[in-house]
Amino acid sequence: MIYLKSLGIVVASSLLFSGIGGMIGYLLGRLLPDYYRSVSFSGMQPGFNPVAYGVGQGVTQGLAGGAVIGLIVSAIAYCALRREGQV
């Protein structure tokens, strides 16, 4: 049962941070497009879309960060339950 709760925590955290990262990437691409033009190798190409690039980067980085945070929270919860003798 604890494994399903841990999986739920990781999935929920990943989705939450992925959404937040996508929103931040969208705002950066919309308000500061030169930032993504400067950090991307293809930033100066004529068809470069800084908003799409920002959303993609924000979602992927948020997903990875959310997964790590979810794993840390799950590990802390598991250790606390184990200490109490519930696992």
Protein backbone atom coordinates (compact mmCIF):
# COMPACT_ATOMS: atom_id res chain seq x y z
CA MET A 1 0.00 0.00 0.00
CA ILE A 2 2.83 2.39 0.83
CA TYR A 3 4.27 1.82 -2.63
CA LEU A 4 1.11 3.01 -4.35
CA LYS A 5 1.04 6.12 -2.17
CA SER A 6 4.70 6.78 -2.97
CA LEU A 7 4.04 6.35 -6.68
CA GLY A 8 1.11 8.75 -6.39
CA ILE A 9 3.30 11.32 -4.66
CA VAL A 10 5.96 11.08 -7.38
CA VAL A 11 3.42 11.31 -10.20
CA ALA A 12 1.53 14.21 -8.62
CA SER A 13 4.73 16.10 -7.88
CA SER A 14 6.01 15.52 -11.41
CA LEU A 15 2.78 16.76 -12.98
CA LEU A 16 2.58 19.79 -10.69
CA PHE A 17 6.16 20.90 -11.30
CA SER A 18 5.85 20.14 -15.00
CA GLY A 19 2.88 22.50 -15.23
CA ILE A 20 4.65 25.18 -13.24
CA GLY A 21 7.76 24.81 -15.41
CA GLY A 22 5.69 25.07 -18.56
CA MET A 23 4.06 28.27 -17.34
CA ILE A 24 7.41 29.80 -16.41
CA GLY A 25 8.85 28.76 -19.78
CA TYR A 26 5.89 30.30 -21.57
CA LEU A 27 6.27 33.58 -19.69
CA LEU A 28 10.01 33.71 -20.33
CA GLY A 29 9.53 32.95 -24.01
CA ARG A 30 6.79 35.55 -24.31
CA LEU A 31 8.29 38.34 -22.21
CA LEU A 32 12.05 37.72 -22.67
CA PRO A 33 12.46 35.91 -26.03
CA ASP A 34 16.09 36.98 -26.34
CA TYR A 35 16.95 34.81 -23.34
CA TYR A 36 16.04 31.62 -25.17
CA ARG A 37 17.63 32.91 -28.37
CA SER A 38 20.90 33.31 -26.48
CA VAL A 39 20.91 29.90 -24.75
CA SER A 40 19.82 27.79 -27.74
CA PHE A 41 22.16 26.76 -30.56
CA SER A 42 19.39 27.35 -33.08
CA GLY A 43 18.20 30.56 -31.44
CA MET A 44 19.17 32.79 -34.34
CA GLN A 45 17.55 30.62 -37.01
CA PRO A 46 14.61 32.28 -38.82
CA GLY A 47 12.02 29.71 -37.71
CA PHE A 48 12.98 29.68 -34.03
CA ASN A 49 9.97 30.02 -31.72
CA PRO A 50 11.08 31.12 -28.22
CA VAL A 51 7.65 30.46 -26.68
CA ALA A 52 7.54 26.85 -27.88
CA TYR A 53 11.16 26.34 -26.86
CA GLY A 54 10.46 27.82 -23.41
CA VAL A 55 7.40 25.66 -22.83
CA GLY A 56 9.30 22.54 -23.89
CA GLN A 57 12.24 23.32 -21.66
CA GLY A 58 10.03 24.26 -18.72
CA VAL A 59 7.92 21.12 -18.96
CA THR A 60 10.88 18.75 -19.22
CA GLN A 61 12.89 20.43 -16.48
CA GLY A 62 9.83 20.68 -14.24
CA LEU A 63 9.08 17.00 -14.82
CA ALA A 64 12.59 15.98 -13.80
CA GLY A 65 12.64 18.30 -10.79
CA GLY A 66 9.19 17.18 -9.68
CA ALA A 67 10.20 13.53 -9.90
CA VAL A 68 13.26 14.14 -7.74
CA ILE A 69 11.26 16.11 -5.17
CA GLY A 70 8.56 13.44 -5.17
CA LEU A 71 11.13 10.73 -4.54
CA ILE A 72 12.63 12.70 -1.67
CA VAL A 73 9.21 13.27 -0.08
CA SER A 74 8.35 9.58 -0.51
CA ALA A 75 11.63 8.52 1.08
CA ILE A 76 11.05 10.82 4.06
CA ALA A 77 7.50 9.50 4.50
CA TYR A 78 8.73 5.91 4.27
CA CYS A 79 11.44 6.51 6.88
CA ALA A 80 8.93 8.15 9.22
CA LEU A 81 6.48 5.27 8.89
CA ARG A 82 9.24 2.73 9.34
CA ARG A 83 10.42 4.47 12.51
CA GLU A 84 6.87 4.28 13.89
CA GLY A 85 6.73 0.58 13.03
CA GLN A 86 3.93 0.89 10.48
CA VAL A 87 5.96 -0.58 7.62
